[in-house]
Amino acid sequence: MSGHSKWSNIQGRKNAQDSKRAKVFQKLSREIYMAVKSGGPDPDSNPSLRLAMDKAKAANMPKDNVKRAIDKGANPNSGENYEEVVYEGYGPSGVGILIHALTDNRNRTSTNVRVALTHNGGTLGETGSVSYNFERKGYIAIDRTTTDADEDTVMMSVLEAGGEDIETSEEAFEIYTDPSDLKAVRDQLEQDGYQLATAETTMVPKLTVPLSDEDQAKLEKIIDALEDDDDVSEVFHTAD
């Protein structure tokens, strides 16, 4: 998985996300709402809700917002109904782009995704044209400023907890797990005293594409346009 640091992507986009905090909270509220609808309001028995709440915590989403989303999802008369939709497309140099959305209007979202891609030099692909190059993984990040542990110590903790892989940089320890093991690994690392910056499921590319600075700028425009859409929840890509 080397060469595709999710942590650097998270940090590199943090300021932009901060400027769109209200939109980020709206998307997180929708994820929490959907998790409650599908699995109930108790995070201890609903792993999807626990992960959504962890993401909300990492984004500094107010607890009142989280509670409102949970209460709304638990209300059978809330009247909202979203479906998960996946779109696949291409950016500069053939970079694969995987777009996850939660929408109550598939036609609206499809149009918006197509426009975000084509108006910024990308194209919308067929189902399966990009997704084959991704695999779902559990992802945990530990900011190195929050721990004095060295790489060997963290690696031992990760392996004992059931993690599959760890990547180390000057800024963070990035841990990958089987999606079904994410909760157990997360809980064990927290029990071991580590402060986790994030714990979530993600899509990791099997093969990556190197980009020039010019193409990197083009890809960022596409991603910005997609993430600006209220219905788009996550965007993944194969750029190195």
C-alpha atoms as a PDB file:
ATOM      1  CA  MET A   1       0.000   0.000   0.000  1.00  0.00           C
ATOM      2  CA  SER A   2       3.040   2.252   0.008  1.00  0.00           C
ATOM      3  CA  GLY A   3       2.786   5.347  -2.136  1.00  0.00           C
ATOM      4  CA  HIS A   4      -0.853   5.988  -1.293  1.00  0.00           C
ATOM      5  CA  SER A   5      -0.832   7.739   2.064  1.00  0.00           C
ATOM      6  CA  LYS A   6      -4.377   8.455   3.118  1.00  0.00           C
ATOM      7  CA  TRP A   7      -3.010  10.508   6.024  1.00  0.00           C
ATOM      8  CA  SER A   8      -1.258  12.999   3.744  1.00  0.00           C
ATOM      9  CA  ASN A   9      -4.477  13.324   1.780  1.00  0.00           C
ATOM     10  CA  ILE A  10      -6.448  13.937   4.982  1.00  0.00           C
ATOM     11  CA  GLN A  11      -3.990  16.568   6.205  1.00  0.00           C
ATOM     12  CA  GLY A  12      -3.602  18.196   2.808  1.00  0.00           C
ATOM     13  CA  ARG A  13      -7.337  18.754   2.536  1.00  0.00           C
ATOM     14  CA  LYS A  14      -8.002  19.714   6.151  1.00  0.00           C
ATOM     15  CA  ASN A  15      -7.999  23.482   5.634  1.00  0.00           C
ATOM     16  CA  ALA A  16     -10.406  23.219   2.726  1.00  0.00           C
ATOM     17  CA  GLN A  17     -12.714  21.062   4.812  1.00  0.00           C
ATOM     18  CA  ASP A  18     -12.518  23.503   7.700  1.00  0.00           C
ATOM     19  CA  SER A  19     -13.846  26.233   5.415  1.00  0.00           C
ATOM     20  CA  LYS A  20     -16.795  24.016   4.515  1.00  0.00           C
ATOM     21  CA  ARG A  21     -17.478  22.779   8.038  1.00  0.00           C
ATOM     22  CA  ALA A  22     -21.261  23.158   7.838  1.00  0.00           C
ATOM     23  CA  LYS A  23     -21.378  21.027   4.703  1.00  0.00           C
ATOM     24  CA  VAL A  24     -19.147  18.384   6.294  1.00  0.00           C
ATOM     25  CA  PHE A  25     -21.427  18.229   9.337  1.00  0.00           C
ATOM     26  CA  GLN A  26     -24.466  17.875   7.086  1.00  0.00           C
ATOM     27  CA  LYS A  27     -22.910  14.875   5.330  1.00  0.00           C
ATOM     28  CA  LEU A  28     -21.868  13.275   8.605  1.00  0.00           C
ATOM     29  CA  SER A  29     -25.383  13.770   9.983  1.00  0.00           C
ATOM     30  CA  ARG A  30     -26.740  11.926   6.959  1.00  0.00           C
ATOM     31  CA  GLU A  31     -24.310   9.028   7.510  1.00  0.00           C
ATOM     32  CA  ILE A  32     -25.301   8.794  11.182  1.00  0.00           C
ATOM     33  CA  TYR A  33     -28.983   8.941  10.256  1.00  0.00           C
ATOM     34  CA  MET A  34     -28.578   6.102   7.745  1.00  0.00           C
ATOM     35  CA  ALA A  35     -26.569   3.987  10.191  1.00  0.00           C
ATOM     36  CA  VAL A  36     -29.299   4.331  12.813  1.00  0.00           C
ATOM     37  CA  LYS A  37     -32.001   3.509  10.265  1.00  0.00           C
ATOM     38  CA  SER A  38     -30.237   0.293   9.269  1.00  0.00           C
ATOM     39  CA  GLY A  39     -28.883  -0.887  12.620  1.00  0.00           C
ATOM     40  CA  GLY A  40     -30.481   0.970  15.503  1.00  0.00           C
ATOM     41  CA  PRO A  41     -29.402   3.860  17.784  1.00  0.00           C
ATOM     42  CA  ASP A  42     -27.011   1.947  20.075  1.00  0.00           C
ATOM     43  CA  PRO A  43     -23.393   2.318  18.886  1.00  0.00           C
ATOM     44  CA  ASP A  44     -22.318  -0.641  21.026  1.00  0.00           C
ATOM     45  CA  SER A  45     -24.467  -2.988  18.939  1.00  0.00           C
ATOM     46  CA  ASN A  46     -24.286  -1.026  15.672  1.00  0.00           C
ATOM     47  CA  PRO A  47     -20.704  -0.936  14.290  1.00  0.00           C
ATOM     48  CA  SER A  48     -21.719   1.303  11.365  1.00  0.00           C
ATOM     49  CA  LEU A  49     -23.088   3.895  13.764  1.00  0.00           C
ATOM     50  CA  ARG A  50     -20.004   3.720  15.960  1.00  0.00           C
ATOM     51  CA  LEU A  51     -17.760   4.334  12.950  1.00  0.00           C
ATOM     52  CA  ALA A  52     -19.938   7.223  11.777  1.00  0.00           C
ATOM     53  CA  MET A  53     -19.785   8.730  15.263  1.00  0.00           C
ATOM     54  CA  ASP A  54     -15.996   8.308  15.301  1.00  0.00           C
ATOM     55  CA  LYS A  55     -15.779  10.207  12.005  1.00  0.00           C
ATOM     56  CA  ALA A  56     -17.981  12.942  13.458  1.00  0.00           C
ATOM     57  CA  LYS A  57     -15.728  13.169  16.518  1.00  0.00           C
ATOM     58  CA  ALA A  58     -12.611  13.394  14.344  1.00  0.00           C
ATOM     59  CA  ALA A  59     -14.260  16.261  12.429  1.00  0.00           C
ATOM     60  CA  ASN A  60     -15.062  18.060  15.723  1.00  0.00           C
ATOM     61  CA  MET A  61     -18.776  17.814  15.039  1.00  0.00           C
ATOM     62  CA  PRO A  62     -20.751  19.111  18.063  1.00  0.00           C
ATOM     63  CA  LYS A  63     -22.332  16.440  20.245  1.00  0.00           C
ATOM     64  CA  ASP A  64     -25.729  18.120  19.861  1.00  0.00           C
ATOM     65  CA  ASN A  65     -25.543  17.617  16.094  1.00  0.00           C
ATOM     66  CA  VAL A  66     -24.707  13.950  16.573  1.00  0.00           C
ATOM     67  CA  LYS A  67     -27.584  13.470  19.007  1.00  0.00           C
ATOM     68  CA  ARG A  68     -30.052  15.158  16.641  1.00  0.00           C
ATOM     69  CA  ALA A  69     -28.989  12.868  13.805  1.00  0.00           C
ATOM     70  CA  ILE A  70     -29.365   9.775  16.007  1.00  0.00           C
ATOM     71  CA  ASP A  71     -32.773  10.881  17.282  1.00  0.00           C
ATOM     72  CA  LYS A  72     -33.905  11.622  13.752  1.00  0.00           C
ATOM     73  CA  GLY A  73     -32.790   8.201  12.519  1.00  0.00           C
ATOM     74  CA  ALA A  74     -34.559   6.491  15.408  1.00  0.00           C
ATOM     75  CA  ASN A  75     -37.825   8.299  14.620  1.00  0.00           C
ATOM     76  CA  PRO A  76     -39.922   6.112  12.277  1.00  0.00           C
ATOM     77  CA  ASN A  77     -41.830   9.209  11.165  1.00  0.00           C
ATOM     78  CA  SER A  78     -38.790  11.248  10.110  1.00  0.00           C
ATOM     79  CA  GLY A  79     -39.892  10.981   6.481  1.00  0.00           C
ATOM     80  CA  GLU A  80     -36.382  10.955   4.945  1.00  0.00           C
ATOM     81  CA  ASN A  81     -35.052   8.035   2.949  1.00  0.00           C
ATOM     82  CA  TYR A  82     -31.598   7.909   1.396  1.00  0.00           C
ATOM     83  CA  GLU A  83     -29.974   5.250  -0.747  1.00  0.00           C
ATOM     84  CA  GLU A  84     -26.307   4.505  -1.261  1.00  0.00           C
ATOM     85  CA  VAL A  85     -25.107   4.963  -4.840  1.00  0.00           C
ATOM     86  CA  VAL A  86     -21.620   4.394  -6.274  1.00  0.00           C
ATOM     87  CA  TYR A  87     -20.316   6.197  -9.369  1.00  0.00           C
ATOM     88  CA  GLU A  88     -17.096   5.450 -11.221  1.00  0.00           C
ATOM     89  CA  GLY A  89     -15.097   7.828 -13.380  1.00  0.00           C
ATOM     90  CA  TYR A  90     -11.725   8.891 -14.675  1.00  0.00           C
ATOM     91  CA  GLY A  91      -9.481  11.887 -14.138  1.00  0.00           C
ATOM     92  CA  PRO A  92      -6.221  13.028 -15.764  1.00  0.00           C
ATOM     93  CA  SER A  93      -3.795  10.324 -16.944  1.00  0.00           C
ATOM     94  CA  GLY A  94      -6.537   7.725 -16.528  1.00  0.00           C
ATOM     95  CA  VAL A  95      -6.720   8.034 -12.731  1.00  0.00           C
ATOM     96  CA  GLY A  96      -9.669   6.011 -11.454  1.00  0.00           C
ATOM     97  CA  ILE A  97     -12.191   7.866  -9.291  1.00  0.00           C
ATOM     98  CA  LEU A  98     -14.699   6.084  -7.058  1.00  0.00           C
ATOM     99  CA  ILE A  99     -17.565   8.215  -5.743  1.00  0.00           C
ATOM    100  CA  HIS A 100     -19.866   7.151  -2.907  1.00  0.00           C
ATOM    101  CA  ALA A 101     -23.088   9.086  -2.430  1.00  0.00           C
ATOM    102  CA  LEU A 102     -26.106   9.096  -0.106  1.00  0.00           C
ATOM    103  CA  THR A 103     -29.073  10.530  -1.974  1.00  0.00           C
ATOM    104  CA  ASP A 104     -32.830  10.898  -1.893  1.00  0.00           C
ATOM    105  CA  ASN A 105     -32.876  11.737  -5.616  1.00  0.00           C
ATOM    106  CA  ARG A 106     -30.747   9.499  -7.815  1.00  0.00           C
ATOM    107  CA  ASN A 107     -31.390  11.543 -10.994  1.00  0.00           C
ATOM    108  CA  ARG A 108     -30.209  14.764  -9.357  1.00  0.00           C
ATOM    109  CA  THR A 109     -27.075  13.158  -7.962  1.00  0.00           C
ATOM    110  CA  SER A 110     -26.180  11.417 -11.230  1.00  0.00           C
ATOM    111  CA  THR A 111     -26.432  14.701 -13.101  1.00  0.00           C
ATOM    112  CA  ASN A 112     -24.367  16.579 -10.528  1.00  0.00           C
ATOM    113  CA  VAL A 113     -21.631  13.937 -10.487  1.00  0.00           C
ATOM    114  CA  ARG A 114     -21.436  13.888 -14.271  1.00  0.00           C
ATOM    115  CA  VAL A 115     -21.178  17.686 -14.411  1.00  0.00           C
ATOM    116  CA  ALA A 116     -18.506  17.779 -11.680  1.00  0.00           C
ATOM    117  CA  LEU A 117     -16.418  15.319 -13.671  1.00  0.00           C
ATOM    118  CA  THR A 118     -16.871  16.546 -17.237  1.00  0.00           C
ATOM    119  CA  HIS A 119     -16.617  20.268 -16.460  1.00  0.00           C
ATOM    120  CA  ASN A 120     -13.237  19.667 -14.852  1.00  0.00           C
ATOM    121  CA  GLY A 121     -11.683  17.398 -17.464  1.00  0.00           C
ATOM    122  CA  GLY A 122     -12.896  14.022 -16.162  1.00  0.00           C
ATOM    123  CA  THR A 123     -15.324  11.452 -17.535  1.00  0.00           C
ATOM    124  CA  LEU A 124     -18.001   9.244 -16.038  1.00  0.00           C
ATOM    125  CA  GLY A 125     -17.314   5.527 -16.443  1.00  0.00           C
ATOM    126  CA  GLU A 126     -19.385   2.378 -16.586  1.00  0.00           C
ATOM    127  CA  THR A 127     -20.224   0.330 -13.499  1.00  0.00           C
ATOM    128  CA  GLY A 128     -17.230  -1.877 -12.680  1.00  0.00           C
ATOM    129  CA  SER A 129     -14.775   0.090 -14.801  1.00  0.00           C
ATOM    130  CA  VAL A 130     -12.921   1.450 -11.757  1.00  0.00           C
ATOM    131  CA  SER A 131     -14.152  -0.393  -8.673  1.00  0.00           C
ATOM    132  CA  TYR A 132     -12.250  -3.590  -9.567  1.00  0.00           C
ATOM    133  CA  ASN A 133      -9.022  -1.776  -8.709  1.00  0.00           C
ATOM    134  CA  PHE A 134     -10.114  -0.998  -5.136  1.00  0.00           C
ATOM    135  CA  GLU A 135     -10.485  -3.136  -2.038  1.00  0.00           C
ATOM    136  CA  ARG A 136     -12.284  -2.180   1.151  1.00  0.00           C
ATOM    137  CA  LYS A 137     -10.073  -1.910   4.213  1.00  0.00           C
ATOM    138  CA  GLY A 138     -10.321  -0.751   7.779  1.00  0.00           C
ATOM    139  CA  TYR A 139      -8.127   2.305   8.317  1.00  0.00           C
ATOM    140  CA  ILE A 140      -6.762   3.736  11.564  1.00  0.00           C
ATOM    141  CA  ALA A 141      -4.397   6.684  11.928  1.00  0.00           C
ATOM    142  CA  ILE A 142      -2.336   7.698  14.940  1.00  0.00           C
ATOM    143  CA  ASP A 143      -0.877  11.199  14.859  1.00  0.00           C
ATOM    144  CA  ARG A 144       2.742  10.831  15.993  1.00  0.00           C
ATOM    145  CA  THR A 145       2.505  14.021  18.057  1.00  0.00           C
ATOM    146  CA  THR A 146       0.121  12.157  20.399  1.00  0.00           C
ATOM    147  CA  THR A 147       2.442   9.255  21.277  1.00  0.00           C
ATOM    148  CA  ASP A 148       6.046   8.673  22.309  1.00  0.00           C
ATOM    149  CA  ALA A 149       5.956   5.089  21.029  1.00  0.00           C
ATOM    150  CA  ASP A 150       8.431   4.168  18.297  1.00  0.00           C
ATOM    151  CA  GLU A 151       7.612   2.267  15.115  1.00  0.00           C
ATOM    152  CA  ASP A 152       8.541  -1.160  16.504  1.00  0.00           C
ATOM    153  CA  THR A 153       6.353  -0.685  19.569  1.00  0.00           C
ATOM    154  CA  VAL A 154       3.359   0.449  17.543  1.00  0.00           C
ATOM    155  CA  MET A 155       3.867  -2.358  15.025  1.00  0.00           C
ATOM    156  CA  MET A 156       3.830  -4.938  17.811  1.00  0.00           C
ATOM    157  CA  SER A 157       0.659  -3.415  19.235  1.00  0.00           C
ATOM    158  CA  VAL A 158      -0.981  -3.450  15.800  1.00  0.00           C
ATOM    159  CA  LEU A 159      -0.075  -7.072  15.084  1.00  0.00           C
ATOM    160  CA  GLU A 160      -1.217  -8.221  18.514  1.00  0.00           C
ATOM    161  CA  ALA A 161      -4.509  -6.361  17.991  1.00  0.00           C
ATOM    162  CA  GLY A 162      -5.090  -8.119  14.667  1.00  0.00           C
ATOM    163  CA  GLY A 163      -4.047  -5.412  12.197  1.00  0.00           C
ATOM    164  CA  GLU A 164      -2.791  -6.394   8.739  1.00  0.00           C
ATOM    165  CA  ASP A 165      -0.367  -3.646   7.766  1.00  0.00           C
ATOM    166  CA  ILE A 166       1.213  -0.446   9.070  1.00  0.00           C
ATOM    167  CA  GLU A 167       2.823   2.437   7.208  1.00  0.00           C
ATOM    168  CA  THR A 168       4.992   4.921   9.052  1.00  0.00           C
ATOM    169  CA  SER A 169       5.819   8.506   8.152  1.00  0.00           C
ATOM    170  CA  GLU A 170       7.169  11.450  10.120  1.00  0.00           C
ATOM    171  CA  GLU A 171       3.609  12.571  10.790  1.00  0.00           C
ATOM    172  CA  ALA A 172       1.584   9.414  11.445  1.00  0.00           C
ATOM    173  CA  PHE A 173       1.229   5.683  11.859  1.00  0.00           C
ATOM    174  CA  GLU A 174      -1.310   4.415   9.302  1.00  0.00           C
ATOM    175  CA  ILE A 175      -2.838   1.036  10.060  1.00  0.00           C
ATOM    176  CA  TYR A 176      -4.869  -1.171   7.726  1.00  0.00           C
ATOM    177  CA  THR A 177      -7.125  -4.027   8.783  1.00  0.00           C
ATOM    178  CA  ASP A 178      -9.687  -6.374   7.362  1.00  0.00           C
ATOM    179  CA  PRO A 179     -12.964  -4.384   7.530  1.00  0.00           C
ATOM    180  CA  SER A 180     -14.500  -6.981   9.843  1.00  0.00           C
ATOM    181  CA  ASP A 181     -11.580  -6.566  12.284  1.00  0.00           C
ATOM    182  CA  LEU A 182     -11.628  -2.756  12.405  1.00  0.00           C
ATOM    183  CA  LYS A 183     -13.694  -2.487  15.592  1.00  0.00           C
ATOM    184  CA  ALA A 184     -11.594  -5.039  17.477  1.00  0.00           C
ATOM    185  CA  VAL A 185      -8.295  -3.467  16.394  1.00  0.00           C
ATOM    186  CA  ARG A 186      -9.537   0.038  17.181  1.00  0.00           C
ATOM    187  CA  ASP A 187     -10.778  -0.955  20.628  1.00  0.00           C
ATOM    188  CA  GLN A 188      -7.553  -2.797  21.476  1.00  0.00           C
ATOM    189  CA  LEU A 189      -5.334   0.107  20.405  1.00  0.00           C
ATOM    190  CA  GLU A 190      -7.438   2.521  22.461  1.00  0.00           C
ATOM    191  CA  GLN A 191      -7.156   0.127  25.401  1.00  0.00           C
ATOM    192  CA  ASP A 192      -3.381   0.116  24.885  1.00  0.00           C
ATOM    193  CA  GLY A 193      -3.434   3.884  25.397  1.00  0.00           C
ATOM    194  CA  TYR A 194      -3.125   5.165  21.830  1.00  0.00           C
ATOM    195  CA  GLN A 195      -5.092   8.251  20.811  1.00  0.00           C
ATOM    196  CA  LEU A 196      -6.596   7.541  17.389  1.00  0.00           C
ATOM    197  CA  ALA A 197      -6.913  10.394  14.920  1.00  0.00           C
ATOM    198  CA  THR A 198      -9.415   8.435  12.842  1.00  0.00           C
ATOM    199  CA  ALA A 199     -10.862   4.934  12.503  1.00  0.00           C
ATOM    200  CA  GLU A 200     -13.019   4.175   9.486  1.00  0.00           C
ATOM    201  CA  THR A 201     -13.513   1.910   6.510  1.00  0.00           C
ATOM    202  CA  THR A 202     -11.970   3.096   3.263  1.00  0.00           C
ATOM    203  CA  MET A 203     -11.288   1.985  -0.299  1.00  0.00           C
ATOM    204  CA  VAL A 204      -7.617   1.344  -1.060  1.00  0.00           C
ATOM    205  CA  PRO A 205      -6.373   1.163  -4.677  1.00  0.00           C
ATOM    206  CA  LYS A 206      -4.499  -1.978  -5.687  1.00  0.00           C
ATOM    207  CA  LEU A 207      -2.516  -0.060  -8.334  1.00  0.00           C
ATOM    208  CA  THR A 208      -1.749   3.656  -8.361  1.00  0.00           C
ATOM    209  CA  VAL A 209      -0.988   6.149 -11.116  1.00  0.00           C
ATOM    210  CA  PRO A 210       1.809   8.754 -10.790  1.00  0.00           C
ATOM    211  CA  LEU A 211       0.755  12.298 -11.745  1.00  0.00           C
ATOM    212  CA  SER A 212       2.592  15.403 -12.857  1.00  0.00           C
ATOM    213  CA  ASP A 213       2.025  18.598 -10.876  1.00  0.00           C
ATOM    214  CA  GLU A 214      -0.289  19.839 -13.631  1.00  0.00           C
ATOM    215  CA  ASP A 215      -2.416  16.688 -13.583  1.00  0.00           C
ATOM    216  CA  GLN A 216      -2.436  16.692  -9.775  1.00  0.00           C
ATOM    217  CA  ALA A 217      -3.953  20.184  -9.876  1.00  0.00           C
ATOM    218  CA  LYS A 218      -6.581  18.981 -12.362  1.00  0.00           C
ATOM    219  CA  LEU A 219      -7.471  16.031 -10.124  1.00  0.00           C
ATOM    220  CA  GLU A 220      -7.837  18.304  -7.115  1.00  0.00           C
ATOM    221  CA  LYS A 221     -10.322  20.453  -9.056  1.00  0.00           C
ATOM    222  CA  ILE A 222     -12.395  17.354  -9.819  1.00  0.00           C
ATOM    223  CA  ILE A 223     -12.316  16.184  -6.205  1.00  0.00           C
ATOM    224  CA  ASP A 224     -13.224  19.658  -4.922  1.00  0.00           C
ATOM    225  CA  ALA A 225     -16.206  19.810  -7.286  1.00  0.00           C
ATOM    226  CA  LEU A 226     -17.399  16.356  -6.225  1.00  0.00           C
ATOM    227  CA  GLU A 227     -16.962  16.957  -2.494  1.00  0.00           C
ATOM    228  CA  ASP A 228     -18.842  20.235  -2.827  1.00  0.00           C
ATOM    229  CA  ASP A 229     -21.971  18.262  -3.721  1.00  0.00           C
ATOM    230  CA  ASP A 230     -24.246  17.671  -0.730  1.00  0.00           C
ATOM    231  CA  ASP A 231     -25.010  14.098  -1.811  1.00  0.00           C
ATOM    232  CA  VAL A 232     -21.405  12.930  -2.229  1.00  0.00           C
ATOM    233  CA  SER A 233     -20.151  11.310   0.962  1.00  0.00           C
ATOM    234  CA  GLU A 234     -16.701  10.003  -0.045  1.00  0.00           C
ATOM    235  CA  VAL A 235     -14.328  10.225  -3.003  1.00  0.00           C
ATOM    236  CA  PHE A 236     -11.483   7.767  -3.586  1.00  0.00           C
ATOM    237  CA  HIS A 237      -8.867   7.776  -6.358  1.00  0.00           C
ATOM    238  CA  THR A 238      -5.900   5.827  -7.668  1.00  0.00           C
ATOM    239  CA  ALA A 239      -3.430   8.721  -7.891  1.00  0.00           C
ATOM    240  CA  ASP A 240      -0.035   8.137  -6.277  1.00  0.00           C
END
